[in-house]
Structures are given as C-alpha cells and as structure tokens.
PDB file of N, CA and C in Angstrom:
ATOM      1  N   MET A   1      12.913 -12.211 -14.334  1.00  0.00           N
ATOM      2  CA  MET A   1      13.244 -12.991 -14.171  1.00  0.00           C
ATOM      3  C   MET A   1      13.640 -13.355 -12.573  1.00  0.00           C
ATOM      4  N   GLU A   2      13.664 -14.137 -11.817  1.00  0.00           N
ATOM      5  CA  GLU A   2      13.495 -14.724 -10.345  1.00  0.00           C
ATOM      6  C   GLU A   2      15.176 -14.910  -9.739  1.00  0.00           C
ATOM      7  N   LEU A   3      15.700 -13.876  -9.361  1.00  0.00           N
ATOM      8  CA  LEU A   3      17.022 -14.158  -9.001  1.00  0.00           C
ATOM      9  C   LEU A   3      17.653 -16.010  -8.699  1.00  0.00           C
ATOM     10  N   ASN A   4      17.110 -17.084  -8.097  1.00  0.00           N
ATOM     11  CA  ASN A   4      17.434 -18.192  -8.213  1.00  0.00           C
ATOM     12  C   ASN A   4      17.889 -18.520  -9.482  1.00  0.00           C
ATOM     13  N   ASP A   5      16.935 -18.411 -10.687  1.00  0.00           N
ATOM     14  CA  ASP A   5      16.858 -18.645 -11.774  1.00  0.00           C
ATOM     15  C   ASP A   5      17.938 -18.327 -12.595  1.00  0.00           C
ATOM     16  N   TYR A   6      18.172 -17.380 -12.241  1.00  0.00           N
ATOM     17  CA  TYR A   6      19.348 -16.032 -12.637  1.00  0.00           C
ATOM     18  C   TYR A   6      20.529 -16.620 -12.373  1.00  0.00           C
ATOM     19  N   GLN A   7      20.903 -16.812 -11.377  1.00  0.00           N
ATOM     20  CA  GLN A   7      22.046 -17.716 -11.326  1.00  0.00           C
ATOM     21  C   GLN A   7      22.053 -19.149 -11.689  1.00  0.00           C
ATOM     22  N   SER A   8      21.191 -19.341 -11.287  1.00  0.00           N
ATOM     23  CA  SER A   8      21.319 -21.095 -12.272  1.00  0.00           C
ATOM     24  C   SER A   8      21.665 -21.272 -13.229  1.00  0.00           C
ATOM     25  N   LYS A   9      21.385 -20.515 -14.029  1.00  0.00           N
ATOM     26  CA  LYS A   9      21.757 -19.842 -15.931  1.00  0.00           C
ATOM     27  C   LYS A   9      23.073 -19.329 -16.064  1.00  0.00           C
ATOM     28  N   CYS A  10      23.884 -18.624 -14.723  1.00  0.00           N
ATOM     29  CA  CYS A  10      24.815 -18.152 -15.036  1.00  0.00           C
ATOM     30  C   CYS A  10      25.720 -19.598 -14.634  1.00  0.00           C
ATOM     31  N   LEU A  11      25.552 -20.008 -13.633  1.00  0.00           N
ATOM     32  CA  LEU A  11      26.643 -21.181 -13.658  1.00  0.00           C
ATOM     33  C   LEU A  11      26.588 -22.137 -15.447  1.00  0.00           C
ATOM     34  N   ASN A  12      25.829 -22.147 -15.874  1.00  0.00           N
ATOM     35  CA  ASN A  12      25.843 -23.120 -17.052  1.00  0.00           C
ATOM     36  C   ASN A  12      26.297 -22.274 -17.813  1.00  0.00           C
ATOM     37  N   THR A  13      27.522 -21.058 -17.680  1.00  0.00           N
ATOM     38  CA  THR A  13      28.928 -20.958 -17.715  1.00  0.00           C
ATOM     39  C   THR A  13      29.969 -20.343 -17.346  1.00  0.00           C
ATOM     40  N   TRP A  14      29.577 -21.014 -15.822  1.00  0.00           N
ATOM     41  CA  TRP A  14      30.525 -21.217 -15.117  1.00  0.00           C
ATOM     42  C   TRP A  14      31.632 -21.995 -14.964  1.00  0.00           C
ATOM     43  N   HIS A  15      32.557 -21.655 -15.581  1.00  0.00           N
ATOM     44  CA  HIS A  15      33.488 -23.439 -15.210  1.00  0.00           C
ATOM     45  C   HIS A  15      35.187 -23.505 -15.547  1.00  0.00           C
ATOM     46  N   GLY A  16      35.900 -24.199 -14.926  1.00  0.00           N
ATOM     47  CA  GLY A  16      37.145 -23.529 -14.528  1.00  0.00           C
ATOM     48  C   GLY A  16      37.837 -24.032 -13.582  1.00  0.00           C
ATOM     49  N   ASP A  17      39.208 -23.752 -13.202  1.00  0.00           N
ATOM     50  CA  ASP A  17      39.347 -23.699 -11.811  1.00  0.00           C
ATOM     51  C   ASP A  17      39.726 -22.580 -10.698  1.00  0.00           C
ATOM     52  N   GLN A  18      39.735 -22.907  -9.791  1.00  0.00           N
ATOM     53  CA  GLN A  18      39.880 -21.438  -8.817  1.00  0.00           C
ATOM     54  C   GLN A  18      39.027 -20.960  -8.661  1.00  0.00           C
ATOM     55  N   ARG A  19      37.549 -21.568  -8.771  1.00  0.00           N
ATOM     56  CA  ARG A  19      36.576 -20.578  -8.717  1.00  0.00           C
ATOM     57  C   ARG A  19      36.084 -19.618  -7.755  1.00  0.00           C
ATOM     58  N   LEU A  20      36.458 -19.892  -6.559  1.00  0.00           N
ATOM     59  CA  LEU A  20      35.891 -18.949  -6.137  1.00  0.00           C
ATOM     60  C   LEU A  20      37.020 -17.896  -6.181  1.00  0.00           C
ATOM     61  N   ILE A  21      38.152 -17.886  -5.952  1.00  0.00           N
ATOM     62  CA  ILE A  21      38.967 -16.488  -6.303  1.00  0.00           C
ATOM     63  C   ILE A  21      38.289 -15.782  -7.212  1.00  0.00           C
ATOM     64  N   ARG A  22      38.029 -16.423  -8.464  1.00  0.00           N
ATOM     65  CA  ARG A  22      38.179 -16.352  -9.893  1.00  0.00           C
ATOM     66  C   ARG A  22      36.944 -15.627  -9.619  1.00  0.00           C
ATOM     67  N   SER A  23      35.512 -15.720  -8.882  1.00  0.00           N
ATOM     68  CA  SER A  23      34.343 -15.457  -8.972  1.00  0.00           C
ATOM     69  C   SER A  23      34.948 -13.619  -7.729  1.00  0.00           C
ATOM     70  N   PHE A  24      35.407 -13.757  -6.598  1.00  0.00           N
ATOM     71  CA  PHE A  24      36.182 -12.612  -6.312  1.00  0.00           C
ATOM     72  C   PHE A  24      36.604 -11.939  -7.041  1.00  0.00           C
ATOM     73  N   LEU A  25      37.331 -12.129  -7.839  1.00  0.00           N
ATOM     74  CA  LEU A  25      38.162 -11.111  -8.891  1.00  0.00           C
ATOM     75  C   LEU A  25      37.683 -10.935  -9.530  1.00  0.00           C
ATOM     76  N   GLY A  26      36.914 -11.728 -10.045  1.00  0.00           N
ATOM     77  CA  GLY A  26      35.458 -10.671 -10.855  1.00  0.00           C
ATOM     78  C   GLY A  26      34.709  -9.262 -10.270  1.00  0.00           C
ATOM     79  N   VAL A  27      33.871  -9.813  -9.259  1.00  0.00           N
ATOM     80  CA  VAL A  27      33.915  -9.191  -8.503  1.00  0.00           C
ATOM     81  C   VAL A  27      33.792  -7.677  -8.448  1.00  0.00           C
ATOM     82  N   CYS A  28      35.529  -7.485  -8.419  1.00  0.00           N
ATOM     83  CA  CYS A  28      36.328  -7.022  -7.585  1.00  0.00           C
ATOM     84  C   CYS A  28      36.320  -5.683  -9.223  1.00  0.00           C
ATOM     85  N   GLY A  29      36.589  -6.655 -10.450  1.00  0.00           N
ATOM     86  CA  GLY A  29      37.680  -6.046 -11.657  1.00  0.00           C
ATOM     87  C   GLY A  29      36.338  -5.913 -12.526  1.00  0.00           C
ATOM     88  N   GLU A  30      34.940  -5.818 -12.526  1.00  0.00           N
ATOM     89  CA  GLU A  30      33.408  -5.750 -12.771  1.00  0.00           C
ATOM     90  C   GLU A  30      33.182  -3.722 -12.113  1.00  0.00           C
ATOM     91  N   ALA A  31      33.607  -4.353 -11.216  1.00  0.00           N
ATOM     92  CA  ALA A  31      32.946  -3.357 -10.000  1.00  0.00           C
ATOM     93  C   ALA A  31      33.988  -1.550 -10.233  1.00  0.00           C
ATOM     94  N   GLY A  32      35.230  -2.494 -10.625  1.00  0.00           N
ATOM     95  CA  GLY A  32      35.855  -1.482 -11.332  1.00  0.00           C
ATOM     96  C   GLY A  32      35.909  -0.856 -12.244  1.00  0.00           C
ATOM     97  N   GLU A  33      35.772  -1.598 -13.538  1.00  0.00           N
ATOM     98  CA  GLU A  33      35.578  -1.190 -14.637  1.00  0.00           C
ATOM     99  C   GLU A  33      34.132  -0.191 -14.487  1.00  0.00           C
ATOM    100  N   LEU A  34      32.869  -0.426 -14.117  1.00  0.00           N
ATOM    101  CA  LEU A  34      31.883   0.398 -13.501  1.00  0.00           C
ATOM    102  C   LEU A  34      31.821   1.161 -12.999  1.00  0.00           C
ATOM    103  N   SER A  35      32.874   1.896 -11.817  1.00  0.00           N
ATOM    104  CA  SER A  35      33.642   2.635 -11.242  1.00  0.00           C
ATOM    105  C   SER A  35      34.329   3.688 -11.770  1.00  0.00           C
ATOM    106  N   GLU A  36      35.512   3.084 -13.094  1.00  0.00           N
ATOM    107  CA  GLU A  36      35.355   4.041 -14.209  1.00  0.00           C
ATOM    108  C   GLU A  36      34.481   4.202 -15.358  1.00  0.00           C
ATOM    109  N   ARG A  37      33.490   4.457 -15.259  1.00  0.00           N
ATOM    110  CA  ARG A  37      31.891   4.596 -16.158  1.00  0.00           C
ATOM    111  C   ARG A  37      31.996   6.173 -15.179  1.00  0.00           C
ATOM    112  N   ILE A  38      31.851   5.674 -13.754  1.00  0.00           N
ATOM    113  CA  ILE A  38      31.246   6.991 -13.060  1.00  0.00           C
ATOM    114  C   ILE A  38      32.100   8.263 -13.145  1.00  0.00           C
ATOM    115  N   LYS A  39      34.061   7.813 -13.272  1.00  0.00           N
ATOM    116  CA  LYS A  39      34.841   8.749 -12.759  1.00  0.00           C
ATOM    117  C   LYS A  39      35.232   9.819 -13.593  1.00  0.00           C
ATOM    118  N   LYS A  40      34.476   8.683 -15.082  1.00  0.00           N
ATOM    119  CA  LYS A  40      34.727   9.503 -16.733  1.00  0.00           C
ATOM    120  C   LYS A  40      33.221  10.712 -16.843  1.00  0.00           C
ATOM    121  N   HIS A  41      32.168  10.286 -15.954  1.00  0.00           N
ATOM    122  CA  HIS A  41      30.364  10.768 -16.194  1.00  0.00           C
ATOM    123  C   HIS A  41      31.520  12.405 -15.500  1.00  0.00           C
ATOM    124  N   LEU A  42      31.991  11.747 -13.798  1.00  0.00           N
ATOM    125  CA  LEU A  42      32.117  12.964 -13.389  1.00  0.00           C
ATOM    126  C   LEU A  42      33.280  14.190 -13.988  1.00  0.00           C
ATOM    127  N   ARG A  43      34.280  13.469 -14.378  1.00  0.00           N
ATOM    128  CA  ARG A  43      34.890  14.700 -15.306  1.00  0.00           C
ATOM    129  C   ARG A  43      34.387  15.039 -16.377  1.00  0.00           C
ATOM    130  N   GLY A  44      33.581  14.932 -17.176  1.00  0.00           N
ATOM    131  CA  GLY A  44      32.472  15.824 -18.108  1.00  0.00           C
ATOM    132  C   GLY A  44      32.904  14.828 -19.362  1.00  0.00           C
ATOM    133  N   ASP A  45      33.830  13.507 -19.683  1.00  0.00           N
ATOM    134  CA  ASP A  45      33.845  12.296 -20.448  1.00  0.00           C
ATOM    135  C   ASP A  45      32.640  12.356 -21.181  1.00  0.00           C
ATOM    136  N   TYR A  46      31.255  12.261 -20.246  1.00  0.00           N
ATOM    137  CA  TYR A  46      30.338  10.571 -20.300  1.00  0.00           C
ATOM    138  C   TYR A  46      28.758  12.172 -19.962  1.00  0.00           C
ATOM    139  N   ASP A  47      27.657  12.164 -20.765  1.00  0.00           N
ATOM    140  CA  ASP A  47      26.687  12.788 -19.991  1.00  0.00           C
ATOM    141  C   ASP A  47      26.043  11.922 -19.423  1.00  0.00           C
ATOM    142  N   VAL A  48      24.379  11.890 -18.963  1.00  0.00           N
ATOM    143  CA  VAL A  48      23.913  11.140 -17.608  1.00  0.00           C
ATOM    144  C   VAL A  48      23.317   9.782 -18.752  1.00  0.00           C
ATOM    145  N   GLN A  49      22.923  10.147 -19.905  1.00  0.00           N
ATOM    146  CA  GLN A  49      22.625   9.083 -21.208  1.00  0.00           C
ATOM    147  C   GLN A  49      23.751   8.550 -21.665  1.00  0.00           C
ATOM    148  N   GLU A  50      24.858   8.948 -21.688  1.00  0.00           N
ATOM    149  CA  GLU A  50      25.744   8.281 -21.942  1.00  0.00           C
ATOM    150  C   GLU A  50      26.442   7.006 -21.135  1.00  0.00           C
ATOM    151  N   LEU A  51      26.696   7.449 -19.579  1.00  0.00           N
ATOM    152  CA  LEU A  51      26.341   7.218 -18.579  1.00  0.00           C
ATOM    153  C   LEU A  51      25.723   5.728 -18.201  1.00  0.00           C
ATOM    154  N   LYS A  52      24.449   6.312 -18.758  1.00  0.00           N
ATOM    155  CA  LYS A  52      23.628   4.849 -18.321  1.00  0.00           C
ATOM    156  C   LYS A  52      23.535   3.975 -19.834  1.00  0.00           C
ATOM    157  N   SER A  53      23.742   4.471 -21.081  1.00  0.00           N
ATOM    158  CA  SER A  53      24.564   3.187 -21.720  1.00  0.00           C
ATOM    159  C   SER A  53      25.549   2.582 -21.336  1.00  0.00           C
ATOM    160  N   ARG A  54      26.846   3.280 -20.755  1.00  0.00           N
ATOM    161  CA  ARG A  54      28.242   2.691 -20.814  1.00  0.00           C
ATOM    162  C   ARG A  54      27.812   1.324 -19.617  1.00  0.00           C
ATOM    163  N   SER A  55      26.831   1.439 -19.039  1.00  0.00           N
ATOM    164  CA  SER A  55      26.655   1.389 -17.147  1.00  0.00           C
ATOM    165  C   SER A  55      25.550  -0.253 -17.358  1.00  0.00           C
ATOM    166  N   PHE A  56      25.360  -0.184 -18.342  1.00  0.00           N
ATOM    167  CA  PHE A  56      24.121  -1.103 -18.235  1.00  0.00           C
ATOM    168  C   PHE A  56      24.339  -2.776 -17.789  1.00  0.00           C
ATOM    169  N   LYS A  57      25.527  -3.067 -19.403  1.00  0.00           N
ATOM    170  CA  LYS A  57      26.341  -4.502 -19.250  1.00  0.00           C
ATOM    171  C   LYS A  57      27.079  -4.566 -18.131  1.00  0.00           C
ATOM    172  N   GLU A  58      27.725  -3.250 -17.617  1.00  0.00           N
ATOM    173  CA  GLU A  58      28.217  -3.568 -16.711  1.00  0.00           C
ATOM    174  C   GLU A  58      28.157  -4.074 -15.928  1.00  0.00           C
ATOM    175  N   ILE A  59      27.040  -3.501 -15.110  1.00  0.00           N
ATOM    176  CA  ILE A  59      26.212  -3.167 -14.453  1.00  0.00           C
ATOM    177  C   ILE A  59      25.686  -5.463 -14.631  1.00  0.00           C
ATOM    178  N   GLY A  60      25.621  -5.840 -15.136  1.00  0.00           N
ATOM    179  CA  GLY A  60      24.988  -7.223 -15.577  1.00  0.00           C
ATOM    180  C   GLY A  60      26.388  -7.698 -15.399  1.00  0.00           C
ATOM    181  N   ASP A  61      27.690  -7.795 -16.024  1.00  0.00           N
ATOM    182  CA  ASP A  61      28.374  -8.257 -15.405  1.00  0.00           C
ATOM    183  C   ASP A  61      29.012  -8.292 -13.685  1.00  0.00           C
ATOM    184  N   VAL A  62      28.658  -7.166 -13.013  1.00  0.00           N
ATOM    185  CA  VAL A  62      28.801  -7.365 -11.512  1.00  0.00           C
ATOM    186  C   VAL A  62      28.017  -8.496 -11.424  1.00  0.00           C
ATOM    187  N   LEU A  63      26.674  -8.126 -11.807  1.00  0.00           N
ATOM    188  CA  LEU A  63      24.996  -9.075 -10.943  1.00  0.00           C
ATOM    189  C   LEU A  63      25.908 -10.868 -11.295  1.00  0.00           C
ATOM    190  N   TYR A  64      26.872 -10.828 -12.502  1.00  0.00           N
ATOM    191  CA  TYR A  64      26.823 -12.133 -13.062  1.00  0.00           C
ATOM    192  C   TYR A  64      27.989 -12.852 -11.974  1.00  0.00           C
ATOM    193  N   TYR A  65      29.251 -12.254 -11.655  1.00  0.00           N
ATOM    194  CA  TYR A  65      30.008 -12.793 -10.786  1.00  0.00           C
ATOM    195  C   TYR A  65      29.619 -12.221  -9.566  1.00  0.00           C
ATOM    196  N   ILE A  66      28.492 -11.502  -8.821  1.00  0.00           N
ATOM    197  CA  ILE A  66      27.860 -12.103  -7.617  1.00  0.00           C
ATOM    198  C   ILE A  66      27.488 -12.652  -7.495  1.00  0.00           C
ATOM    199  N   ALA A  67      26.387 -13.691  -8.875  1.00  0.00           N
ATOM    200  CA  ALA A  67      25.790 -15.112  -8.320  1.00  0.00           C
ATOM    201  C   ALA A  67      26.785 -16.009  -8.259  1.00  0.00           C
ATOM    202  N   VAL A  68      28.298 -16.009  -9.326  1.00  0.00           N
ATOM    203  CA  VAL A  68      28.581 -17.215  -9.081  1.00  0.00           C
ATOM    204  C   VAL A  68      29.424 -16.932  -7.815  1.00  0.00           C
ATOM    205  N   LEU A  69      29.887 -16.321  -7.029  1.00  0.00           N
ATOM    206  CA  LEU A  69      30.578 -15.782  -5.896  1.00  0.00           C
ATOM    207  C   LEU A  69      29.417 -16.644  -5.183  1.00  0.00           C
ATOM    208  N   ALA A  70      28.202 -15.866  -5.297  1.00  0.00           N
ATOM    209  CA  ALA A  70      27.689 -16.479  -3.980  1.00  0.00           C
ATOM    210  C   ALA A  70      27.535 -17.751  -3.912  1.00  0.00           C
ATOM    211  N   HIS A  71      27.289 -18.495  -5.405  1.00  0.00           N
ATOM    212  CA  HIS A  71      27.298 -20.453  -5.086  1.00  0.00           C
ATOM    213  C   HIS A  71      28.549 -20.670  -4.905  1.00  0.00           C
ATOM    214  N   GLU A  72      29.683 -20.012  -4.822  1.00  0.00           N
ATOM    215  CA  GLU A  72      31.168 -20.847  -4.511  1.00  0.00           C
ATOM    216  C   GLU A  72      30.778 -20.802  -2.934  1.00  0.00           C
ATOM    217  N   LEU A  73      30.353 -19.899  -2.872  1.00  0.00           N
ATOM    218  CA  LEU A  73      30.028 -19.758  -1.336  1.00  0.00           C
ATOM    219  C   LEU A  73      29.067 -20.493  -0.522  1.00  0.00           C
ATOM    220  N   GLY A  74      28.335 -20.941  -1.417  1.00  0.00           N
ATOM    221  CA  GLY A  74      26.983 -21.801  -0.690  1.00  0.00           C
ATOM    222  C   GLY A  74      25.562 -20.907  -0.451  1.00  0.00           C
ATOM    223  N   PHE A  75      25.719 -20.060  -1.403  1.00  0.00           N
ATOM    224  CA  PHE A  75      24.536 -19.078  -0.626  1.00  0.00           C
ATOM    225  C   PHE A  75      23.754 -19.222  -2.061  1.00  0.00           C
ATOM    226  N   GLU A  76      22.676 -18.701  -1.792  1.00  0.00           N
ATOM    227  CA  GLU A  76      21.480 -18.502  -3.208  1.00  0.00           C
ATOM    228  C   GLU A  76      21.680 -17.102  -3.138  1.00  0.00           C
ATOM    229  N   LEU A  77      21.260 -16.132  -4.252  1.00  0.00           N
ATOM    230  CA  LEU A  77      20.749 -15.171  -4.492  1.00  0.00           C
ATOM    231  C   LEU A  77      18.963 -14.412  -3.772  1.00  0.00           C
ATOM    232  N   SER A  78      18.084 -15.392  -3.365  1.00  0.00           N
ATOM    233  CA  SER A  78      17.187 -14.829  -3.449  1.00  0.00           C
ATOM    234  C   SER A  78      17.095 -15.096  -1.326  1.00  0.00           C
ATOM    235  N   ASP A  79      17.794 -15.516  -0.902  1.00  0.00           N
ATOM    236  CA  ASP A  79      18.269 -15.642   0.318  1.00  0.00           C
ATOM    237  C   ASP A  79      19.326 -14.238   1.084  1.00  0.00           C
ATOM    238  N   ILE A  80      20.228 -13.950  -0.429  1.00  0.00           N
ATOM    239  CA  ILE A  80      20.945 -12.750   0.180  1.00  0.00           C
ATOM    240  C   ILE A  80      20.292 -11.321  -0.252  1.00  0.00           C
ATOM    241  N   ALA A  81      19.406 -11.699  -0.942  1.00  0.00           N
ATOM    242  CA  ALA A  81      18.634 -10.518  -1.297  1.00  0.00           C
ATOM    243  C   ALA A  81      17.614 -10.224   0.056  1.00  0.00           C
ATOM    244  N   GLU A  82      16.698 -11.455   0.543  1.00  0.00           N
ATOM    245  CA  GLU A  82      15.655 -11.079   1.448  1.00  0.00           C
ATOM    246  C   GLU A  82      16.102 -10.380   2.876  1.00  0.00           C
ATOM    247  N   ASP A  83      17.316 -11.150   3.009  1.00  0.00           N
ATOM    248  CA  ASP A  83      18.604 -10.489   4.501  1.00  0.00           C
ATOM    249  C   ASP A  83      18.766  -9.657   4.118  1.00  0.00           C
ATOM    250  N   ASN A  84      19.267  -9.225   2.940  1.00  0.00           N
ATOM    251  CA  ASN A  84      19.647  -7.758   2.876  1.00  0.00           C
ATOM    252  C   ASN A  84      18.644  -7.010   3.154  1.00  0.00           C
ATOM    253  N   ILE A  85      17.446  -6.673   2.710  1.00  0.00           N
ATOM    254  CA  ILE A  85      16.294  -6.402   2.788  1.00  0.00           C
ATOM    255  C   ILE A  85      15.903  -6.505   4.540  1.00  0.00           C
ATOM    256  N   ALA A  86      15.803  -7.237   4.890  1.00  0.00           N
ATOM    257  CA  ALA A  86      15.041  -7.307   6.320  1.00  0.00           C
ATOM    258  C   ALA A  86      16.428  -5.867   7.187  1.00  0.00           C
ATOM    259  N   LYS A  87      17.673  -6.738   7.025  1.00  0.00           N
ATOM    260  CA  LYS A  87      18.298  -5.262   7.538  1.00  0.00           C
ATOM    261  C   LYS A  87      18.159  -4.424   6.917  1.00  0.00           C
ATOM    262  N   LEU A  88      17.888  -3.231   6.514  1.00  0.00           N
ATOM    263  CA  LEU A  88      17.666  -2.616   5.713  1.00  0.00           C
ATOM    264  C   LEU A  88      16.203  -2.298   6.772  1.00  0.00           C
ATOM    265  N   ALA A  89      15.848  -2.619   6.626  1.00  0.00           N
ATOM    266  CA  ALA A  89      14.552  -2.334   6.694  1.00  0.00           C
ATOM    267  C   ALA A  89      14.229  -1.954   8.298  1.00  0.00           C
ATOM    268  N   LYS A  90      15.213  -2.790   9.034  1.00  0.00           N
ATOM    269  CA  LYS A  90      15.557  -2.775  10.909  1.00  0.00           C
ATOM    270  C   LYS A  90      15.856  -1.475  10.497  1.00  0.00           C
ATOM    271  N   ARG A  91      17.378  -1.794   9.513  1.00  0.00           N
ATOM    272  CA  ARG A  91      17.988   0.016  10.529  1.00  0.00           C
ATOM    273  C   ARG A  91      16.584   1.478  10.298  1.00  0.00           C
ATOM    274  N   GLN A  92      15.764   0.928   9.082  1.00  0.00           N
ATOM    275  CA  GLN A  92      15.973   1.956   8.913  1.00  0.00           C
ATOM    276  C   GLN A  92      14.142   2.143   9.682  1.00  0.00           C
ATOM    277  N   GLU A  93      13.370   1.120  10.922  1.00  0.00           N
ATOM    278  CA  GLU A  93      12.491   0.878  12.045  1.00  0.00           C
ATOM    279  C   GLU A  93      13.197   1.664  12.761  1.00  0.00           C
ATOM    280  N   GLU A  94      14.711   1.464  13.124  1.00  0.00           N
ATOM    281  CA  GLU A  94      15.547   1.964  14.199  1.00  0.00           C
ATOM    282  C   GLU A  94      16.089   3.526  14.068  1.00  0.00           C
ATOM    283  N   GLY A  95      15.967   4.073  13.208  1.00  0.00           N
ATOM    284  CA  GLY A  95      16.465   5.038  12.844  1.00  0.00           C
ATOM    285  C   GLY A  95      18.121   5.190  12.689  1.00  0.00           C
ATOM    286  N   LYS A  96      18.523   3.690  12.185  1.00  0.00           N
ATOM    287  CA  LYS A  96      19.802   4.077  11.685  1.00  0.00           C
ATOM    288  C   LYS A  96      20.751   3.364  10.604  1.00  0.00           C
ATOM    289  N   ILE A  97      19.151   4.003   9.368  1.00  0.00           N
ATOM    290  CA  ILE A  97      19.478   3.670   8.398  1.00  0.00           C
ATOM    291  C   ILE A  97      21.149   4.577   7.768  1.00  0.00           C
ATOM    292  N   LYS A  98      21.562   5.587   8.504  1.00  0.00           N
ATOM    293  CA  LYS A  98      22.807   6.650   8.147  1.00  0.00           C
ATOM    294  C   LYS A  98      23.531   5.198   9.118  1.00  0.00           C
ATOM    295  N   GLY A  99      24.912   6.258   8.721  1.00  0.00           N
ATOM    296  CA  GLY A  99      26.162   5.187   9.679  1.00  0.00           C
ATOM    297  C   GLY A  99      26.794   4.542   9.430  1.00  0.00           C
ATOM    298  N   ASP A 100      28.180   4.217   9.764  1.00  0.00           N
ATOM    299  CA  ASP A 100      29.260   3.525   9.735  1.00  0.00           C
ATOM    300  C   ASP A 100      28.757   1.647  10.612  1.00  0.00           C
ATOM    301  N   GLY A 101      29.512   1.000  10.297  1.00  0.00           N
ATOM    302  CA  GLY A 101      29.396  -0.276  10.385  1.00  0.00           C
ATOM    303  C   GLY A 101      28.126  -1.370  10.303  1.00  0.00           C
ATOM    304  N   ASP A 102      28.106  -2.373  10.498  1.00  0.00           N
ATOM    305  CA  ASP A 102      27.167  -3.532   9.367  1.00  0.00           C
ATOM    306  C   ASP A 102      26.400  -3.957  11.384  1.00  0.00           C
ATOM    307  N   HIS A 103      26.960  -3.487  12.456  1.00  0.00           N
ATOM    308  CA  HIS A 103      25.690  -3.561  13.559  1.00  0.00           C
ATOM    309  C   HIS A 103      25.099  -2.238  14.205  1.00  0.00           C
ATOM    310  N   ARG A 104      24.730  -1.671  13.376  1.00  0.00           N
ATOM    311  CA  ARG A 104      24.118  -0.029  13.934  1.00  0.00           C
ATOM    312  C   ARG A 104      22.849  -0.786  14.259  1.00  0.00           C
TER     313      ARG A 104
END
C-alpha cells in the first residue's frame, strides 16, 4: 500500500473535535503502549516472539495516529518519508549519521 493511500484510508475513520491535539496525543499514547511492550520484554516478561506478536498492532496504531497528525498539519506521508530519507542519506554521506541535533 502506498503511504498516501494509507493516509487517505485512515481519514475515513478520523472524526470528532479537537483533531490536531487528539492526533498528537494519540501518537504519544500509542508510542507509550509500544514502549511498555519493549519494557516488559527487557524485564523478561516476553521473549522476542511474544514481543513481536504484541508489538505488531501497536506499531499499526502509532502509524495511524502519525497519518492523521500529518494530515491535521497539512502534510502527506509520502512527502514526510521522502524528506526523511533524503535527510538521513545526506547525514550518512557527510559521515554524520550518529550524533545529536537536527542540523548535523
């Protein structure tokens, strides 16, 4: 599935008020749930297979909220993805793939 097609399909289920803040909080909440899965794996509650099994749908939930957040901010997912890959390629080319900050 193409990223913009996915984003468009997500918007079919995206309704209600305060959509910008709800989409932002949705990203935070779902990323938190994913981090809980990883924390439980690290403390020994899950083996790798269980981590994968429990993470699959959480990653999908994060992706959903990223898609609707991008829409609420006026972005298409494909543009974000292309820009991100270009940024990473430039950093790698310059030998700056590791480090801190947005302007390496």
